[in-house]
Amino acid sequence: MSSTASLNPKIVGQAENAHEAVLARALATTGVTKQQWIALTLAATAGEPQGAGTLAGRLAGALRSADPAVVPRILDDLVTAGMLAADHSVTPAGQELFARVRAETGQVIARAYADIPADDLRTAARVLQLVTDRLDRDAARAGA
């Protein structure tokens, strides 16, 4: 990458695609989709059971889905697969899968981020969060 590169949608998209490829490899044999993984992650990292409504709201926000029927289907599929209980708490099977995939992807991501100065990572995080917040506000104004 050129030292004169500037943050732009192409670079952000390439980084996102590279991260998603890591996750896709880890999920390939699990039967869990990316959307289901996001739901499982939200539930597993919440610290306490979220309940159906709270988890559904958080998932809708995370997915930025225009189709309101998508979220209940994702959660129902995780319940059917035994990853979430009926109250949308994470089951032991869901916890095991979450830990396994998180460990596998974490190793790859740690290698990719190794030797990048902490200040650079903090700056990148702040910039990406600022851009995300601005785009979210713009989408809200547009009614999306």
N, C-alpha and C. Protein backbone atom coordinates (compact mmCIF):
# COMPACT_ATOMS: atom_id res chain seq x y z
N MET A 1 0.85 -1.18 0.00
CA MET A 1 0.00 0.00 0.00
C MET A 1 0.89 1.23 0.00
N SER A 2 0.53 2.22 -0.75
CA SER A 2 1.28 3.45 -0.87
C SER A 2 1.22 4.24 0.43
N SER A 3 2.33 4.92 0.76
CA SER A 3 2.34 5.74 1.97
C SER A 3 1.49 6.99 1.80
N THR A 4 1.07 7.28 0.57
CA THR A 4 0.22 8.45 0.33
C THR A 4 -1.26 8.08 0.25
N ALA A 5 -1.57 6.82 0.52
CA ALA A 5 -2.97 6.38 0.46
C ALA A 5 -3.80 7.17 1.47
N SER A 6 -5.02 7.45 1.08
CA SER A 6 -5.94 8.16 1.95
C SER A 6 -7.15 7.26 2.19
N LEU A 7 -7.73 7.38 3.37
CA LEU A 7 -8.90 6.58 3.68
C LEU A 7 -10.02 6.94 2.71
N ASN A 8 -10.60 5.91 2.10
CA ASN A 8 -11.69 6.11 1.16
C ASN A 8 -12.55 4.84 1.15
N PRO A 9 -13.72 4.89 0.51
CA PRO A 9 -14.60 3.71 0.51
C PRO A 9 -13.95 2.45 -0.05
N LYS A 10 -13.08 2.58 -1.03
CA LYS A 10 -12.42 1.40 -1.60
C LYS A 10 -11.56 0.71 -0.54
N ILE A 11 -10.76 1.47 0.17
CA ILE A 11 -9.88 0.90 1.19
C ILE A 11 -10.70 0.29 2.32
N VAL A 12 -11.74 1.00 2.75
CA VAL A 12 -12.59 0.47 3.82
C VAL A 12 -13.26 -0.83 3.36
N GLY A 13 -13.76 -0.83 2.14
CA GLY A 13 -14.41 -2.03 1.60
C GLY A 13 -13.45 -3.20 1.48
N GLN A 14 -12.23 -2.94 1.03
CA GLN A 14 -11.25 -4.01 0.92
C GLN A 14 -10.92 -4.59 2.29
N ALA A 15 -10.77 -3.72 3.28
CA ALA A 15 -10.49 -4.21 4.64
C ALA A 15 -11.67 -5.01 5.18
N GLU A 16 -12.88 -4.53 4.94
CA GLU A 16 -14.07 -5.26 5.39
C GLU A 16 -14.14 -6.62 4.72
N ASN A 17 -13.91 -6.66 3.42
CA ASN A 17 -13.95 -7.94 2.70
C ASN A 17 -12.88 -8.92 3.20
N ALA A 18 -11.71 -8.41 3.53
CA ALA A 18 -10.65 -9.28 4.05
C ALA A 18 -11.04 -9.85 5.42
N HIS A 19 -11.63 -9.01 6.27
CA HIS A 19 -12.11 -9.48 7.58
C HIS A 19 -13.23 -10.50 7.41
N GLU A 20 -14.16 -10.22 6.50
CA GLU A 20 -15.28 -11.13 6.27
C GLU A 20 -14.81 -12.48 5.74
N ALA A 21 -13.75 -12.50 4.96
CA ALA A 21 -13.23 -13.75 4.44
C ALA A 21 -12.71 -14.63 5.58
N VAL A 22 -12.10 -14.01 6.58
CA VAL A 22 -11.63 -14.75 7.75
C VAL A 22 -12.82 -15.40 8.46
N LEU A 23 -13.86 -14.62 8.66
CA LEU A 23 -15.06 -15.14 9.32
C LEU A 23 -15.71 -16.22 8.47
N ALA A 24 -15.81 -16.01 7.17
CA ALA A 24 -16.44 -17.01 6.29
C ALA A 24 -15.73 -18.35 6.37
N ARG A 25 -14.39 -18.33 6.42
CA ARG A 25 -13.63 -19.59 6.54
C ARG A 25 -13.95 -20.27 7.87
N ALA A 26 -14.05 -19.50 8.93
CA ALA A 26 -14.33 -20.08 10.25
C ALA A 26 -15.75 -20.63 10.34
N LEU A 27 -16.68 -20.00 9.65
CA LEU A 27 -18.08 -20.43 9.70
C LEU A 27 -18.41 -21.52 8.68
N ALA A 28 -17.52 -21.76 7.74
CA ALA A 28 -17.82 -22.63 6.60
C ALA A 28 -18.37 -24.00 6.98
N THR A 29 -17.91 -24.58 8.04
CA THR A 29 -18.35 -25.93 8.41
C THR A 29 -19.37 -25.94 9.54
N THR A 30 -19.83 -24.77 9.96
CA THR A 30 -20.71 -24.69 11.13
C THR A 30 -22.19 -24.69 10.79
N GLY A 31 -22.54 -24.33 9.56
CA GLY A 31 -23.94 -24.17 9.20
C GLY A 31 -24.53 -22.85 9.66
N VAL A 32 -23.71 -21.99 10.23
CA VAL A 32 -24.14 -20.68 10.71
C VAL A 32 -23.80 -19.63 9.65
N THR A 33 -24.76 -18.78 9.34
CA THR A 33 -24.53 -17.70 8.37
C THR A 33 -23.89 -16.50 9.06
N LYS A 34 -23.42 -15.56 8.26
CA LYS A 34 -22.85 -14.33 8.82
C LYS A 34 -23.89 -13.59 9.67
N GLN A 35 -25.12 -13.49 9.19
CA GLN A 35 -26.15 -12.80 9.95
C GLN A 35 -26.44 -13.52 11.27
N GLN A 36 -26.46 -14.84 11.24
CA GLN A 36 -26.66 -15.60 12.47
C GLN A 36 -25.48 -15.41 13.42
N TRP A 37 -24.28 -15.35 12.87
CA TRP A 37 -23.09 -15.12 13.68
C TRP A 37 -23.19 -13.77 14.39
N ILE A 38 -23.63 -12.76 13.68
CA ILE A 38 -23.78 -11.44 14.29
C ILE A 38 -24.77 -11.51 15.45
N ALA A 39 -25.88 -12.19 15.25
CA ALA A 39 -26.87 -12.34 16.32
C ALA A 39 -26.29 -13.10 17.50
N LEU A 40 -25.59 -14.18 17.23
CA LEU A 40 -24.98 -14.98 18.30
C LEU A 40 -23.95 -14.15 19.05
N THR A 41 -23.17 -13.37 18.34
CA THR A 41 -22.16 -12.51 18.96
C THR A 41 -22.82 -11.48 19.87
N LEU A 42 -23.89 -10.86 19.39
CA LEU A 42 -24.60 -9.87 20.21
C LEU A 42 -25.12 -10.51 21.50
N ALA A 43 -25.66 -11.70 21.37
CA ALA A 43 -26.20 -12.39 22.54
C ALA A 43 -25.08 -12.84 23.48
N ALA A 44 -24.01 -13.37 22.92
CA ALA A 44 -22.93 -13.93 23.74
C ALA A 44 -22.10 -12.87 24.44
N THR A 45 -22.05 -11.68 23.89
CA THR A 45 -21.22 -10.62 24.47
C THR A 45 -22.02 -9.60 25.27
N ALA A 46 -23.31 -9.84 25.43
CA ALA A 46 -24.17 -8.87 26.11
C ALA A 46 -23.93 -8.81 27.61
N GLY A 47 -23.38 -9.84 28.18
CA GLY A 47 -23.15 -9.85 29.61
C GLY A 47 -24.30 -10.42 30.41
N GLU A 48 -25.49 -10.31 29.89
CA GLU A 48 -26.68 -10.89 30.52
C GLU A 48 -27.70 -11.16 29.43
N PRO A 49 -28.63 -12.07 29.65
CA PRO A 49 -29.64 -12.35 28.62
C PRO A 49 -30.38 -11.07 28.22
N GLN A 50 -30.55 -10.90 26.92
CA GLN A 50 -31.13 -9.68 26.37
C GLN A 50 -32.65 -9.73 26.26
N GLY A 51 -33.21 -10.91 26.17
CA GLY A 51 -34.63 -11.01 25.89
C GLY A 51 -34.86 -10.79 24.41
N ALA A 52 -35.95 -11.32 23.93
CA ALA A 52 -36.23 -11.32 22.49
C ALA A 52 -36.28 -9.92 21.89
N GLY A 53 -37.00 -9.02 22.53
CA GLY A 53 -37.16 -7.68 21.96
C GLY A 53 -35.86 -6.90 21.90
N THR A 54 -35.10 -6.95 22.98
CA THR A 54 -33.83 -6.20 23.02
C THR A 54 -32.84 -6.76 22.02
N LEU A 55 -32.70 -8.08 21.99
CA LEU A 55 -31.76 -8.69 21.05
C LEU A 55 -32.19 -8.41 19.61
N ALA A 56 -33.48 -8.49 19.33
CA ALA A 56 -33.97 -8.22 17.98
C ALA A 56 -33.67 -6.78 17.58
N GLY A 57 -33.86 -5.84 18.49
CA GLY A 57 -33.56 -4.44 18.19
C GLY A 57 -32.09 -4.21 17.93
N ARG A 58 -31.25 -4.82 18.75
CA ARG A 58 -29.81 -4.68 18.55
C ARG A 58 -29.37 -5.31 17.23
N LEU A 59 -29.97 -6.46 16.90
CA LEU A 59 -29.61 -7.13 15.65
C LEU A 59 -30.07 -6.31 14.45
N ALA A 60 -31.27 -5.76 14.50
CA ALA A 60 -31.75 -4.92 13.40
C ALA A 60 -30.80 -3.75 13.17
N GLY A 61 -30.35 -3.14 14.25
CA GLY A 61 -29.40 -2.03 14.13
C GLY A 61 -28.07 -2.47 13.55
N ALA A 62 -27.58 -3.62 14.00
CA ALA A 62 -26.30 -4.12 13.52
C ALA A 62 -26.35 -4.49 12.04
N LEU A 63 -27.49 -5.05 11.61
CA LEU A 63 -27.61 -5.48 10.22
C LEU A 63 -28.02 -4.34 9.30
N ARG A 64 -28.62 -3.31 9.86
CA ARG A 64 -29.13 -2.19 9.06
C ARG A 64 -30.05 -2.71 7.96
N SER A 65 -30.89 -3.66 8.35
CA SER A 65 -31.76 -4.32 7.39
C SER A 65 -33.02 -3.51 7.11
N ALA A 66 -33.35 -3.40 5.85
CA ALA A 66 -34.58 -2.72 5.47
C ALA A 66 -35.78 -3.64 5.57
N ASP A 67 -35.53 -4.94 5.69
CA ASP A 67 -36.61 -5.93 5.76
C ASP A 67 -36.81 -6.36 7.21
N PRO A 68 -37.89 -5.90 7.84
CA PRO A 68 -38.10 -6.22 9.25
C PRO A 68 -38.34 -7.70 9.52
N ALA A 69 -38.70 -8.47 8.51
CA ALA A 69 -38.94 -9.90 8.69
C ALA A 69 -37.64 -10.70 8.83
N VAL A 70 -36.52 -10.11 8.45
CA VAL A 70 -35.24 -10.82 8.48
C VAL A 70 -34.82 -11.16 9.90
N VAL A 71 -34.96 -10.20 10.82
CA VAL A 71 -34.44 -10.38 12.18
C VAL A 71 -35.12 -11.53 12.92
N PRO A 72 -36.45 -11.59 12.96
CA PRO A 72 -37.06 -12.73 13.65
C PRO A 72 -36.68 -14.08 13.06
N ARG A 73 -36.53 -14.13 11.73
CA ARG A 73 -36.12 -15.39 11.08
C ARG A 73 -34.73 -15.82 11.53
N ILE A 74 -33.82 -14.87 11.61
CA ILE A 74 -32.45 -15.18 12.03
C ILE A 74 -32.46 -15.73 13.45
N LEU A 75 -33.18 -15.06 14.33
CA LEU A 75 -33.24 -15.51 15.72
C LEU A 75 -33.94 -16.86 15.83
N ASP A 76 -35.03 -17.04 15.10
CA ASP A 76 -35.73 -18.33 15.11
C ASP A 76 -34.83 -19.46 14.62
N ASP A 77 -34.04 -19.18 13.58
CA ASP A 77 -33.13 -20.20 13.05
C ASP A 77 -32.08 -20.59 14.09
N LEU A 78 -31.60 -19.62 14.87
CA LEU A 78 -30.63 -19.93 15.91
C LEU A 78 -31.26 -20.73 17.05
N VAL A 79 -32.53 -20.46 17.34
CA VAL A 79 -33.24 -21.26 18.34
C VAL A 79 -33.40 -22.69 17.83
N THR A 80 -33.83 -22.83 16.58
CA THR A 80 -34.00 -24.15 15.97
C THR A 80 -32.69 -24.93 15.94
N ALA A 81 -31.58 -24.23 15.69
CA ALA A 81 -30.27 -24.89 15.63
C ALA A 81 -29.70 -25.18 17.01
N GLY A 82 -30.38 -24.71 18.06
CA GLY A 82 -29.91 -24.98 19.41
C GLY A 82 -28.83 -24.03 19.90
N MET A 83 -28.62 -22.93 19.20
CA MET A 83 -27.61 -21.96 19.61
C MET A 83 -28.17 -20.94 20.61
N LEU A 84 -29.45 -20.67 20.48
CA LEU A 84 -30.15 -19.78 21.42
C LEU A 84 -31.32 -20.55 22.02
N ALA A 85 -31.63 -20.23 23.27
CA ALA A 85 -32.82 -20.78 23.92
C ALA A 85 -34.03 -19.96 23.48
N ALA A 86 -35.21 -20.41 23.84
CA ALA A 86 -36.44 -19.71 23.45
C ALA A 86 -36.45 -18.26 23.94
N ASP A 87 -35.81 -17.99 25.08
CA ASP A 87 -35.75 -16.61 25.59
C ASP A 87 -34.59 -15.81 24.98
N HIS A 88 -33.92 -16.42 24.00
CA HIS A 88 -32.80 -15.84 23.27
C HIS A 88 -31.53 -15.71 24.08
N SER A 89 -31.44 -16.45 25.18
CA SER A 89 -30.16 -16.56 25.87
C SER A 89 -29.32 -17.59 25.11
N VAL A 90 -28.02 -17.51 25.26
CA VAL A 90 -27.12 -18.41 24.55
C VAL A 90 -27.08 -19.76 25.26
N THR A 91 -27.26 -20.82 24.48
CA THR A 91 -27.21 -22.18 25.02
C THR A 91 -25.75 -22.61 25.17
N PRO A 92 -25.51 -23.71 25.87
CA PRO A 92 -24.13 -24.23 25.92
C PRO A 92 -23.56 -24.52 24.52
N ALA A 93 -24.36 -25.04 23.62
CA ALA A 93 -23.88 -25.28 22.25
C ALA A 93 -23.53 -23.96 21.57
N GLY A 94 -24.34 -22.94 21.79
CA GLY A 94 -24.06 -21.62 21.22
C GLY A 94 -22.79 -21.02 21.81
N GLN A 95 -22.60 -21.20 23.10
CA GLN A 95 -21.39 -20.69 23.76
C GLN A 95 -20.15 -21.40 23.22
N GLU A 96 -20.25 -22.72 23.01
CA GLU A 96 -19.11 -23.47 22.49
C GLU A 96 -18.77 -23.01 21.08
N LEU A 97 -19.78 -22.87 20.23
CA LEU A 97 -19.54 -22.40 18.87
C LEU A 97 -18.95 -21.00 18.87
N PHE A 98 -19.53 -20.12 19.67
CA PHE A 98 -19.03 -18.74 19.75
C PHE A 98 -17.56 -18.74 20.15
N ALA A 99 -17.20 -19.48 21.19
CA ALA A 99 -15.82 -19.51 21.66
C ALA A 99 -14.88 -20.07 20.60
N ARG A 100 -15.30 -21.12 19.93
CA ARG A 100 -14.45 -21.76 18.92
C ARG A 100 -14.20 -20.83 17.73
N VAL A 101 -15.26 -20.23 17.20
CA VAL A 101 -15.11 -19.34 16.04
C VAL A 101 -14.34 -18.08 16.43
N ARG A 102 -14.65 -17.55 17.60
CA ARG A 102 -13.95 -16.35 18.07
C ARG A 102 -12.45 -16.63 18.22
N ALA A 103 -12.09 -17.80 18.75
CA ALA A 103 -10.67 -18.14 18.91
C ALA A 103 -9.99 -18.29 17.56
N GLU A 104 -10.66 -18.96 16.64
CA GLU A 104 -10.07 -19.18 15.31
C GLU A 104 -9.87 -17.85 14.57
N THR A 105 -10.89 -17.02 14.54
CA THR A 105 -10.77 -15.75 13.84
C THR A 105 -9.83 -14.80 14.59
N GLY A 106 -9.83 -14.89 15.90
CA GLY A 106 -8.97 -14.02 16.70
C GLY A 106 -7.50 -14.23 16.42
N GLN A 107 -7.11 -15.48 16.20
CA GLN A 107 -5.71 -15.78 15.88
C GLN A 107 -5.30 -15.13 14.57
N VAL A 108 -6.15 -15.25 13.57
CA VAL A 108 -5.84 -14.68 12.25
C VAL A 108 -5.79 -13.16 12.32
N ILE A 109 -6.78 -12.57 12.98
CA ILE A 109 -6.84 -11.12 13.09
C ILE A 109 -5.65 -10.59 13.90
N ALA A 110 -5.29 -11.30 14.96
CA ALA A 110 -4.14 -10.86 15.77
C ALA A 110 -2.87 -10.82 14.93
N ARG A 111 -2.69 -11.81 14.07
CA ARG A 111 -1.51 -11.81 13.19
C ARG A 111 -1.55 -10.62 12.23
N ALA A 112 -2.73 -10.32 11.71
CA ALA A 112 -2.85 -9.21 10.76
C ALA A 112 -2.57 -7.86 11.41
N TYR A 113 -2.97 -7.72 12.68
CA TYR A 113 -2.81 -6.44 13.38
C TYR A 113 -1.47 -6.34 14.11
N ALA A 114 -0.73 -7.45 14.17
CA ALA A 114 0.54 -7.45 14.89
C ALA A 114 1.48 -6.39 14.34
N ASP A 115 2.21 -5.79 15.23
CA ASP A 115 3.24 -4.80 14.89
C ASP A 115 2.69 -3.47 14.37
N ILE A 116 1.38 -3.31 14.36
CA ILE A 116 0.82 -2.00 14.04
C ILE A 116 0.80 -1.23 15.35
N PRO A 117 1.40 -0.05 15.38
CA PRO A 117 1.44 0.70 16.64
C PRO A 117 0.04 0.94 17.21
N ALA A 118 -0.06 0.81 18.52
CA ALA A 118 -1.35 0.98 19.21
C ALA A 118 -1.97 2.34 18.90
N ASP A 119 -1.16 3.38 18.82
CA ASP A 119 -1.70 4.71 18.51
C ASP A 119 -2.33 4.74 17.13
N ASP A 120 -1.72 4.04 16.17
CA ASP A 120 -2.29 3.98 14.82
C ASP A 120 -3.64 3.24 14.84
N LEU A 121 -3.72 2.15 15.60
CA LEU A 121 -4.97 1.41 15.69
C LEU A 121 -6.06 2.25 16.35
N ARG A 122 -5.71 2.99 17.39
CA ARG A 122 -6.69 3.86 18.05
C ARG A 122 -7.15 4.96 17.10
N THR A 123 -6.24 5.53 16.33
CA THR A 123 -6.61 6.57 15.37
C THR A 123 -7.53 6.00 14.30
N ALA A 124 -7.18 4.85 13.78
CA ALA A 124 -8.02 4.21 12.76
C ALA A 124 -9.41 3.95 13.32
N ALA A 125 -9.48 3.46 14.54
CA ALA A 125 -10.78 3.18 15.16
C ALA A 125 -11.60 4.45 15.31
N ARG A 126 -10.96 5.52 15.77
CA ARG A 126 -11.70 6.80 15.93
C ARG A 126 -12.21 7.32 14.60
N VAL A 127 -11.38 7.25 13.58
CA VAL A 127 -11.78 7.76 12.26
C VAL A 127 -12.92 6.92 11.69
N LEU A 128 -12.79 5.60 11.76
CA LEU A 128 -13.85 4.74 11.22
C LEU A 128 -15.16 4.92 11.99
N GLN A 129 -15.08 5.10 13.31
CA GLN A 129 -16.29 5.33 14.10
C GLN A 129 -16.93 6.66 13.73
N LEU A 130 -16.12 7.69 13.53
CA LEU A 130 -16.64 9.00 13.12
C LEU A 130 -17.34 8.91 11.76
N VAL A 131 -16.72 8.23 10.81
CA VAL A 131 -17.32 8.07 9.49
C VAL A 131 -18.63 7.29 9.60
N THR A 132 -18.62 6.21 10.37
CA THR A 132 -19.84 5.40 10.55
C THR A 132 -20.95 6.24 11.18
N ASP A 133 -20.63 6.99 12.22
CA ASP A 133 -21.63 7.83 12.87
C ASP A 133 -22.23 8.85 11.90
N ARG A 134 -21.38 9.46 11.09
CA ARG A 134 -21.87 10.45 10.12
C ARG A 134 -22.77 9.79 9.06
N LEU A 135 -22.36 8.62 8.58
CA LEU A 135 -23.18 7.92 7.59
C LEU A 135 -24.50 7.47 8.20
N ASP A 136 -24.48 7.03 9.45
CA ASP A 136 -25.72 6.63 10.13
C ASP A 136 -26.66 7.83 10.27
N ARG A 137 -26.11 8.98 10.66
CA ARG A 137 -26.95 10.19 10.77
C ARG A 137 -27.53 10.58 9.42
N ASP A 138 -26.73 10.49 8.38
CA ASP A 138 -27.21 10.81 7.04
C ASP A 138 -28.32 9.87 6.61
N ALA A 139 -28.16 8.58 6.91
CA ALA A 139 -29.18 7.60 6.57
C ALA A 139 -30.47 7.87 7.35
N ALA A 140 -30.34 8.24 8.61
CA ALA A 140 -31.52 8.55 9.42
C ALA A 140 -32.26 9.75 8.86
N ARG A 141 -31.53 10.77 8.43
CA ARG A 141 -32.15 11.96 7.83
C ARG A 141 -32.86 11.61 6.53
N ALA A 142 -32.27 10.67 5.78
CA ALA A 142 -32.84 10.27 4.49
C ALA A 142 -34.01 9.32 4.66
N GLY A 143 -34.21 8.84 5.90
CA GLY A 143 -35.32 7.93 6.15
C GLY A 143 -35.02 6.50 5.80
N ALA A 144 -33.72 6.18 5.66
CA ALA A 144 -33.34 4.80 5.30
C ALA A 144 -33.33 3.90 6.48
